[in-house]
Amino acid sequence: MAMKLALFVSLIVAALAVPISGVQLGPGGDALSYDIRINGTVYCPENNNIGASSTNNTVIQDAEIQVTCGGQMVSNASTNDNGGFVFYMDSQHYTVPIILKSCNSLVFSPYIKSKCPNSPVGHLESPLKYIGDTVVGDLKIANISPVGFHIVP
């Protein structure tokens, strides 16, 4: 009887450990690889503030954008012709909770003033928010997006 109880308790502990550890299984029962994608669009600021989804259709092309965590740049890219950008971050080094707590997206570009003549001088900055997950085969991607860029003098 004691052996059955010990076996039962071991099975319950093992079953609870999988969700706690964050291991997720794909269709074949194999562990999923995990990646983090940060993407969005950079619009010209209006009145020192702009939301992530702007009604203003003027985008900032070829702007340098960075992801910084704890004040240190961890990744950089340029916006495309539509003002869009995408970063992929390795979940081995950064987790979603750490990114949401300590990371921002920043836009430093001389193009801000030339593309957006009515904007004040400074750089654009936005905290990040979790949107949801996408699963592609054995890869799980956490989708993160800027909350809304604002001017920082």
N, C-alpha and C. Protein backbone atom coordinates (compact mmCIF):
# COMPACT_ATOMS: atom_id res chain seq x y z
N MET A 1 0.82 -1.19 0.00
CA MET A 1 0.00 0.00 0.00
C MET A 1 0.86 1.26 0.00
N ALA A 2 1.92 1.24 0.82
CA ALA A 2 2.80 2.41 0.88
C ALA A 2 3.50 2.63 -0.45
N MET A 3 3.82 1.53 -1.13
CA MET A 3 4.48 1.63 -2.44
C MET A 3 3.55 2.28 -3.46
N LYS A 4 2.27 1.91 -3.45
CA LYS A 4 1.30 2.49 -4.38
C LYS A 4 1.11 3.99 -4.10
N LEU A 5 1.09 4.35 -2.82
CA LEU A 5 0.94 5.75 -2.44
C LEU A 5 2.16 6.56 -2.91
N ALA A 6 3.34 6.01 -2.71
CA ALA A 6 4.56 6.69 -3.15
C ALA A 6 4.58 6.85 -4.67
N LEU A 7 4.16 5.83 -5.40
CA LEU A 7 4.09 5.90 -6.86
C LEU A 7 3.08 6.96 -7.30
N PHE A 8 1.91 6.97 -6.66
CA PHE A 8 0.88 7.95 -6.99
C PHE A 8 1.38 9.37 -6.74
N VAL A 9 1.99 9.63 -5.60
CA VAL A 9 2.52 10.96 -5.28
C VAL A 9 3.60 11.36 -6.28
N SER A 10 4.47 10.44 -6.66
CA SER A 10 5.52 10.72 -7.64
C SER A 10 4.94 11.13 -8.99
N LEU A 11 3.88 10.43 -9.41
CA LEU A 11 3.23 10.77 -10.68
C LEU A 11 2.58 12.15 -10.63
N ILE A 12 1.96 12.49 -9.53
CA ILE A 12 1.32 13.80 -9.38
C ILE A 12 2.39 14.90 -9.41
N VAL A 13 3.47 14.71 -8.69
CA VAL A 13 4.55 15.71 -8.68
C VAL A 13 5.14 15.87 -10.08
N ALA A 14 5.35 14.79 -10.79
CA ALA A 14 5.89 14.85 -12.15
C ALA A 14 4.92 15.57 -13.08
N ALA A 15 3.64 15.31 -12.95
CA ALA A 15 2.64 15.95 -13.81
C ALA A 15 2.58 17.45 -13.55
N LEU A 16 2.74 17.86 -12.32
CA LEU A 16 2.73 19.29 -11.98
C LEU A 16 4.02 19.99 -12.38
N ALA A 17 5.11 19.28 -12.44
CA ALA A 17 6.41 19.89 -12.74
C ALA A 17 6.52 20.35 -14.18
N VAL A 18 5.86 19.69 -15.12
CA VAL A 18 5.97 20.07 -16.53
C VAL A 18 5.44 21.48 -16.77
N PRO A 19 4.20 21.85 -16.33
CA PRO A 19 3.76 23.21 -16.58
C PRO A 19 4.58 24.24 -15.81
N ILE A 20 5.04 23.90 -14.62
CA ILE A 20 5.82 24.85 -13.84
C ILE A 20 7.15 25.13 -14.52
N SER A 21 7.76 24.14 -15.12
CA SER A 21 9.06 24.33 -15.76
C SER A 21 8.95 25.10 -17.06
N GLY A 22 7.75 25.21 -17.62
CA GLY A 22 7.58 25.95 -18.86
C GLY A 22 7.80 25.11 -20.10
N VAL A 23 8.08 23.82 -19.95
CA VAL A 23 8.28 22.97 -21.11
C VAL A 23 6.94 22.74 -21.77
N GLN A 24 6.87 23.00 -23.07
CA GLN A 24 5.65 22.77 -23.80
C GLN A 24 5.93 21.76 -24.90
N LEU A 25 4.95 20.91 -25.16
CA LEU A 25 5.14 19.84 -26.13
C LEU A 25 4.45 20.18 -27.44
N GLY A 26 5.11 19.84 -28.53
CA GLY A 26 4.54 20.03 -29.86
C GLY A 26 3.65 18.87 -30.24
N PRO A 27 3.18 18.84 -31.50
CA PRO A 27 2.26 17.80 -31.95
C PRO A 27 2.81 16.39 -31.81
N GLY A 28 4.11 16.19 -31.98
CA GLY A 28 4.70 14.87 -31.89
C GLY A 28 5.11 14.49 -30.49
N GLY A 29 4.83 15.35 -29.50
CA GLY A 29 5.22 15.08 -28.13
C GLY A 29 6.63 15.55 -27.81
N ASP A 30 7.33 16.17 -28.79
CA ASP A 30 8.67 16.68 -28.55
C ASP A 30 8.58 18.08 -27.94
N ALA A 31 9.60 18.46 -27.19
CA ALA A 31 9.64 19.79 -26.59
C ALA A 31 9.74 20.85 -27.69
N LEU A 32 9.01 21.94 -27.51
CA LEU A 32 9.04 23.04 -28.49
C LEU A 32 10.27 23.90 -28.28
N SER A 33 10.86 24.37 -29.37
CA SER A 33 11.87 25.42 -29.27
C SER A 33 11.12 26.71 -29.02
N TYR A 34 11.79 27.69 -28.43
CA TYR A 34 11.11 28.91 -28.03
C TYR A 34 11.88 30.11 -28.54
N ASP A 35 11.20 31.06 -29.12
CA ASP A 35 11.83 32.26 -29.65
C ASP A 35 10.96 33.45 -29.25
N ILE A 36 11.54 34.62 -29.29
CA ILE A 36 10.81 35.85 -28.94
C ILE A 36 10.92 36.81 -30.12
N ARG A 37 9.77 37.32 -30.56
CA ARG A 37 9.74 38.27 -31.68
C ARG A 37 9.17 39.59 -31.16
N ILE A 38 9.93 40.67 -31.41
CA ILE A 38 9.47 42.03 -31.09
C ILE A 38 9.29 42.74 -32.42
N ASN A 39 8.06 43.18 -32.70
CA ASN A 39 7.84 43.87 -33.96
C ASN A 39 6.80 44.97 -33.81
N GLY A 40 6.84 45.91 -34.75
CA GLY A 40 5.90 47.01 -34.73
C GLY A 40 6.17 47.97 -35.87
N THR A 41 5.57 49.13 -35.81
CA THR A 41 5.72 50.17 -36.82
C THR A 41 6.00 51.49 -36.12
N VAL A 42 6.89 52.29 -36.69
CA VAL A 42 7.24 53.59 -36.11
C VAL A 42 6.58 54.68 -36.94
N TYR A 43 5.70 55.45 -36.30
CA TYR A 43 5.01 56.56 -36.93
C TYR A 43 5.60 57.88 -36.45
N CYS A 44 5.42 58.94 -37.22
CA CYS A 44 5.82 60.27 -36.78
C CYS A 44 5.02 60.65 -35.54
N PRO A 45 5.69 61.23 -34.55
CA PRO A 45 4.98 61.62 -33.33
C PRO A 45 4.16 62.88 -33.55
N GLU A 46 3.03 62.95 -32.87
CA GLU A 46 2.18 64.13 -32.86
C GLU A 46 2.00 64.54 -31.41
N ASN A 47 2.17 65.80 -31.12
CA ASN A 47 1.95 66.32 -29.77
C ASN A 47 2.75 65.56 -28.71
N ASN A 48 4.00 65.23 -29.04
CA ASN A 48 4.92 64.54 -28.12
C ASN A 48 4.53 63.12 -27.78
N ASN A 49 3.49 62.57 -28.40
CA ASN A 49 3.07 61.24 -28.03
C ASN A 49 2.38 60.57 -29.22
N ILE A 50 2.54 59.30 -29.34
CA ILE A 50 1.89 58.55 -30.42
C ILE A 50 1.61 57.15 -29.93
N GLY A 51 0.50 56.59 -30.33
CA GLY A 51 0.18 55.22 -29.95
C GLY A 51 0.84 54.24 -30.90
N ALA A 52 0.82 52.98 -30.54
CA ALA A 52 1.42 51.95 -31.38
C ALA A 52 0.64 51.79 -32.68
N SER A 53 -0.67 52.03 -32.65
CA SER A 53 -1.50 51.98 -33.86
C SER A 53 -2.00 53.39 -34.13
N SER A 54 -1.34 54.06 -35.01
CA SER A 54 -1.63 55.47 -35.24
C SER A 54 -2.63 55.68 -36.36
N THR A 55 -3.40 56.75 -36.23
CA THR A 55 -4.24 57.16 -37.35
C THR A 55 -3.42 58.02 -38.30
N ASN A 56 -2.26 58.47 -37.82
CA ASN A 56 -1.33 59.23 -38.64
C ASN A 56 -0.61 58.23 -39.54
N ASN A 57 -0.71 58.38 -40.84
CA ASN A 57 -0.13 57.40 -41.76
C ASN A 57 1.33 57.67 -42.11
N THR A 58 1.92 58.73 -41.58
CA THR A 58 3.31 59.04 -41.88
C THR A 58 4.21 58.13 -41.04
N VAL A 59 4.96 57.28 -41.71
CA VAL A 59 5.86 56.36 -41.01
C VAL A 59 7.29 56.86 -41.15
N ILE A 60 8.16 56.37 -40.29
CA ILE A 60 9.57 56.74 -40.34
C ILE A 60 10.33 55.58 -40.98
N GLN A 61 10.85 55.81 -42.18
CA GLN A 61 11.61 54.79 -42.90
C GLN A 61 13.09 54.90 -42.56
N ASP A 62 13.79 53.80 -42.66
CA ASP A 62 15.25 53.74 -42.48
C ASP A 62 15.73 54.32 -41.15
N ALA A 63 14.90 54.24 -40.13
CA ALA A 63 15.30 54.74 -38.81
C ALA A 63 15.99 53.62 -38.05
N GLU A 64 17.02 53.97 -37.30
CA GLU A 64 17.68 52.99 -36.45
C GLU A 64 16.82 52.78 -35.21
N ILE A 65 16.50 51.53 -34.94
CA ILE A 65 15.71 51.20 -33.76
C ILE A 65 16.47 50.17 -32.95
N GLN A 66 16.39 50.30 -31.63
CA GLN A 66 17.13 49.42 -30.73
C GLN A 66 16.19 48.84 -29.69
N VAL A 67 16.54 47.66 -29.21
CA VAL A 67 15.94 47.12 -28.00
C VAL A 67 17.00 47.25 -26.92
N THR A 68 16.64 47.92 -25.84
CA THR A 68 17.55 48.07 -24.71
C THR A 68 16.94 47.39 -23.49
N CYS A 69 17.79 46.73 -22.73
CA CYS A 69 17.37 46.08 -21.49
C CYS A 69 18.30 46.55 -20.39
N GLY A 70 17.72 47.13 -19.36
CA GLY A 70 18.54 47.65 -18.28
C GLY A 70 19.50 48.73 -18.74
N GLY A 71 19.12 49.49 -19.76
CA GLY A 71 19.95 50.57 -20.26
C GLY A 71 21.01 50.13 -21.26
N GLN A 72 21.13 48.84 -21.53
CA GLN A 72 22.12 48.32 -22.47
C GLN A 72 21.45 47.87 -23.76
N MET A 73 22.02 48.26 -24.91
CA MET A 73 21.48 47.81 -26.18
C MET A 73 21.71 46.30 -26.33
N VAL A 74 20.67 45.56 -26.67
CA VAL A 74 20.79 44.12 -26.86
C VAL A 74 20.55 43.72 -28.31
N SER A 75 19.91 44.61 -29.09
CA SER A 75 19.67 44.31 -30.50
C SER A 75 19.34 45.61 -31.22
N ASN A 76 19.67 45.65 -32.52
CA ASN A 76 19.31 46.84 -33.31
C ASN A 76 18.95 46.43 -34.73
N ALA A 77 18.18 47.30 -35.38
CA ALA A 77 17.73 47.07 -36.75
C ALA A 77 17.34 48.42 -37.33
N SER A 78 16.87 48.40 -38.55
CA SER A 78 16.36 49.61 -39.21
C SER A 78 14.92 49.35 -39.63
N THR A 79 14.14 50.43 -39.64
CA THR A 79 12.77 50.29 -40.11
C THR A 79 12.77 50.14 -41.63
N ASN A 80 11.76 49.46 -42.15
CA ASN A 80 11.67 49.24 -43.60
C ASN A 80 10.90 50.40 -44.25
N ASP A 81 10.54 50.25 -45.51
CA ASP A 81 9.84 51.32 -46.24
C ASP A 81 8.47 51.63 -45.65
N ASN A 82 7.90 50.70 -44.91
CA ASN A 82 6.60 50.90 -44.29
C ASN A 82 6.72 51.29 -42.81
N GLY A 83 7.94 51.60 -42.36
CA GLY A 83 8.16 51.96 -40.96
C GLY A 83 8.18 50.77 -40.02
N GLY A 84 8.12 49.57 -40.58
CA GLY A 84 8.06 48.36 -39.76
C GLY A 84 9.44 47.86 -39.35
N PHE A 85 9.46 47.12 -38.27
CA PHE A 85 10.70 46.52 -37.79
C PHE A 85 10.37 45.19 -37.13
N VAL A 86 11.38 44.34 -37.03
CA VAL A 86 11.23 43.08 -36.32
C VAL A 86 12.59 42.69 -35.72
N PHE A 87 12.54 42.20 -34.50
CA PHE A 87 13.71 41.67 -33.81
C PHE A 87 13.37 40.25 -33.37
N TYR A 88 14.33 39.35 -33.42
CA TYR A 88 14.17 38.03 -32.83
C TYR A 88 15.18 37.92 -31.71
N MET A 89 14.71 37.52 -30.55
CA MET A 89 15.59 37.39 -29.39
C MET A 89 15.57 35.95 -28.91
N ASP A 90 16.71 35.48 -28.47
CA ASP A 90 16.88 34.11 -28.01
C ASP A 90 16.34 33.97 -26.59
N SER A 91 15.41 33.06 -26.41
CA SER A 91 14.83 32.86 -25.08
C SER A 91 15.81 32.21 -24.11
N GLN A 92 16.96 31.77 -24.60
CA GLN A 92 17.99 31.24 -23.70
C GLN A 92 18.60 32.39 -22.88
N HIS A 93 18.60 33.60 -23.44
CA HIS A 93 19.20 34.75 -22.76
C HIS A 93 18.18 35.69 -22.16
N TYR A 94 16.99 35.76 -22.74
CA TYR A 94 15.95 36.68 -22.28
C TYR A 94 14.63 35.93 -22.19
N THR A 95 13.89 36.18 -21.14
CA THR A 95 12.55 35.61 -21.00
C THR A 95 11.53 36.72 -21.20
N VAL A 96 10.31 36.34 -21.50
CA VAL A 96 9.26 37.33 -21.71
C VAL A 96 9.08 38.22 -20.47
N PRO A 97 9.00 37.68 -19.24
CA PRO A 97 8.84 38.56 -18.08
C PRO A 97 10.00 39.55 -17.92
N ILE A 98 11.23 39.12 -18.19
CA ILE A 98 12.37 40.03 -18.08
C ILE A 98 12.29 41.13 -19.14
N ILE A 99 11.92 40.75 -20.36
CA ILE A 99 11.80 41.75 -21.43
C ILE A 99 10.73 42.77 -21.09
N LEU A 100 9.58 42.32 -20.60
CA LEU A 100 8.50 43.24 -20.29
C LEU A 100 8.84 44.16 -19.12
N LYS A 101 9.64 43.67 -18.20
CA LYS A 101 9.99 44.45 -17.01
C LYS A 101 11.14 45.43 -17.26
N SER A 102 12.15 45.02 -18.04
CA SER A 102 13.37 45.83 -18.10
C SER A 102 13.76 46.31 -19.49
N CYS A 103 12.97 46.03 -20.53
CA CYS A 103 13.38 46.40 -21.88
C CYS A 103 12.44 47.45 -22.49
N ASN A 104 13.00 48.23 -23.41
CA ASN A 104 12.26 49.23 -24.17
C ASN A 104 12.70 49.16 -25.62
N SER A 105 11.90 49.72 -26.50
CA SER A 105 12.36 49.93 -27.87
C SER A 105 12.60 51.43 -28.04
N LEU A 106 13.73 51.76 -28.66
CA LEU A 106 14.14 53.15 -28.83
C LEU A 106 14.40 53.43 -30.30
N VAL A 107 14.08 54.62 -30.75
CA VAL A 107 14.36 55.05 -32.11
C VAL A 107 15.26 56.27 -32.03
N PHE A 108 16.49 56.13 -32.53
CA PHE A 108 17.44 57.23 -32.64
C PHE A 108 17.68 57.45 -34.11
N SER A 109 17.30 58.59 -34.61
CA SER A 109 17.49 58.78 -36.04
C SER A 109 17.43 60.25 -36.41
N PRO A 110 18.36 60.67 -37.28
CA PRO A 110 18.26 62.03 -37.80
C PRO A 110 17.05 62.17 -38.72
N TYR A 111 16.50 61.04 -39.15
CA TYR A 111 15.35 61.06 -40.05
C TYR A 111 14.07 61.51 -39.36
N ILE A 112 14.02 61.40 -38.05
CA ILE A 112 12.79 61.78 -37.35
C ILE A 112 12.44 63.23 -37.67
N LYS A 113 13.41 64.13 -37.55
CA LYS A 113 13.15 65.54 -37.79
C LYS A 113 12.90 65.82 -39.27
N SER A 114 13.63 65.14 -40.17
CA SER A 114 13.43 65.40 -41.60
C SER A 114 12.13 64.79 -42.13
N LYS A 115 11.75 63.62 -41.62
CA LYS A 115 10.52 62.97 -42.06
C LYS A 115 9.28 63.52 -41.34
N CYS A 116 9.51 64.03 -40.14
CA CYS A 116 8.41 64.51 -39.30
C CYS A 116 8.73 65.94 -38.85
N PRO A 117 8.60 66.93 -39.73
CA PRO A 117 9.05 68.28 -39.42
C PRO A 117 8.35 68.92 -38.23
N ASN A 118 7.17 68.49 -37.86
CA ASN A 118 6.45 69.09 -36.73
C ASN A 118 6.78 68.44 -35.40
N SER A 119 7.66 67.44 -35.41
CA SER A 119 7.96 66.73 -34.16
C SER A 119 9.04 67.48 -33.38
N PRO A 120 8.95 67.41 -32.05
CA PRO A 120 9.99 68.02 -31.23
C PRO A 120 11.30 67.22 -31.34
N VAL A 121 12.39 67.82 -30.91
CA VAL A 121 13.70 67.17 -30.96
C VAL A 121 13.78 66.14 -29.84
N GLY A 122 14.39 65.01 -30.15
CA GLY A 122 14.57 63.95 -29.16
C GLY A 122 14.55 62.60 -29.84
N HIS A 123 14.46 61.56 -29.04
CA HIS A 123 14.32 60.22 -29.60
C HIS A 123 12.98 59.65 -29.16
N LEU A 124 12.57 58.59 -29.84
CA LEU A 124 11.31 57.93 -29.51
C LEU A 124 11.59 56.73 -28.62
N GLU A 125 10.70 56.49 -27.68
CA GLU A 125 10.88 55.37 -26.76
C GLU A 125 9.52 54.76 -26.46
N SER A 126 9.50 53.43 -26.27
CA SER A 126 8.26 52.74 -25.92
C SER A 126 8.55 51.55 -25.03
N PRO A 127 7.75 51.37 -23.97
CA PRO A 127 7.80 50.09 -23.26
C PRO A 127 7.20 49.02 -24.16
N LEU A 128 7.32 47.78 -23.74
CA LEU A 128 6.88 46.65 -24.56
C LEU A 128 5.74 45.90 -23.88
N LYS A 129 4.88 45.26 -24.70
CA LYS A 129 3.79 44.46 -24.15
C LYS A 129 3.73 43.11 -24.86
N TYR A 130 3.26 42.12 -24.14
CA TYR A 130 3.09 40.77 -24.66
C TYR A 130 1.78 40.69 -25.42
N ILE A 131 1.81 40.18 -26.65
CA ILE A 131 0.62 40.07 -27.49
C ILE A 131 0.03 38.66 -27.44
N GLY A 132 0.89 37.64 -27.49
CA GLY A 132 0.43 36.25 -27.50
C GLY A 132 1.49 35.38 -28.15
N ASP A 133 1.21 34.10 -28.27
CA ASP A 133 2.15 33.14 -28.83
C ASP A 133 1.68 32.65 -30.20
N THR A 134 2.65 32.31 -31.03
CA THR A 134 2.41 31.67 -32.31
C THR A 134 3.23 30.38 -32.32
N VAL A 135 2.63 29.27 -32.75
CA VAL A 135 3.35 28.01 -32.84
C VAL A 135 3.47 27.65 -34.31
N VAL A 136 4.72 27.45 -34.76
CA VAL A 136 5.01 27.05 -36.13
C VAL A 136 5.83 25.77 -36.05
N GLY A 137 5.22 24.64 -36.35
CA GLY A 137 5.92 23.36 -36.22
C GLY A 137 6.32 23.12 -34.78
N ASP A 138 7.61 22.93 -34.56
CA ASP A 138 8.13 22.72 -33.21
C ASP A 138 8.67 24.01 -32.59
N LEU A 139 8.34 25.16 -33.18
CA LEU A 139 8.83 26.44 -32.69
C LEU A 139 7.69 27.25 -32.10
N LYS A 140 7.86 27.68 -30.87
CA LYS A 140 6.89 28.57 -30.22
C LYS A 140 7.49 29.97 -30.20
N ILE A 141 6.73 30.95 -30.69
CA ILE A 141 7.21 32.33 -30.77
C ILE A 141 6.33 33.20 -29.88
N ALA A 142 6.96 33.88 -28.92
CA ALA A 142 6.25 34.86 -28.09
C ALA A 142 6.27 36.18 -28.85
N ASN A 143 5.10 36.77 -29.08
CA ASN A 143 4.99 38.02 -29.83
C ASN A 143 4.89 39.20 -28.87
N ILE A 144 5.79 40.16 -29.06
CA ILE A 144 5.86 41.35 -28.21
C ILE A 144 5.84 42.56 -29.13
N SER A 145 5.19 43.63 -28.67
CA SER A 145 5.04 44.83 -29.49
C SER A 145 5.21 46.07 -28.62
N PRO A 146 5.60 47.19 -29.20
CA PRO A 146 5.66 48.44 -28.43
C PRO A 146 4.26 48.84 -27.97
N VAL A 147 4.18 49.43 -26.79
CA VAL A 147 2.92 49.94 -26.26
C VAL A 147 2.54 51.20 -27.02
N GLY A 148 3.49 52.08 -27.27
CA GLY A 148 3.28 53.34 -27.97
C GLY A 148 4.51 54.22 -27.79
N PHE A 149 5.05 54.69 -28.87
CA PHE A 149 6.25 55.52 -28.81
C PHE A 149 5.90 56.94 -28.35
N HIS A 150 6.80 57.52 -27.57
CA HIS A 150 6.67 58.91 -27.17
C HIS A 150 8.03 59.58 -27.28
N ILE A 151 8.04 60.90 -27.40
CA ILE A 151 9.28 61.66 -27.53
C ILE A 151 9.96 61.79 -26.18
N VAL A 152 11.26 61.52 -26.14
CA VAL A 152 12.08 61.75 -24.97
C VAL A 152 13.13 62.79 -25.38
N PRO A 153 13.07 63.98 -24.78
CA PRO A 153 14.02 65.05 -25.18
C PRO A 153 15.47 64.70 -24.89
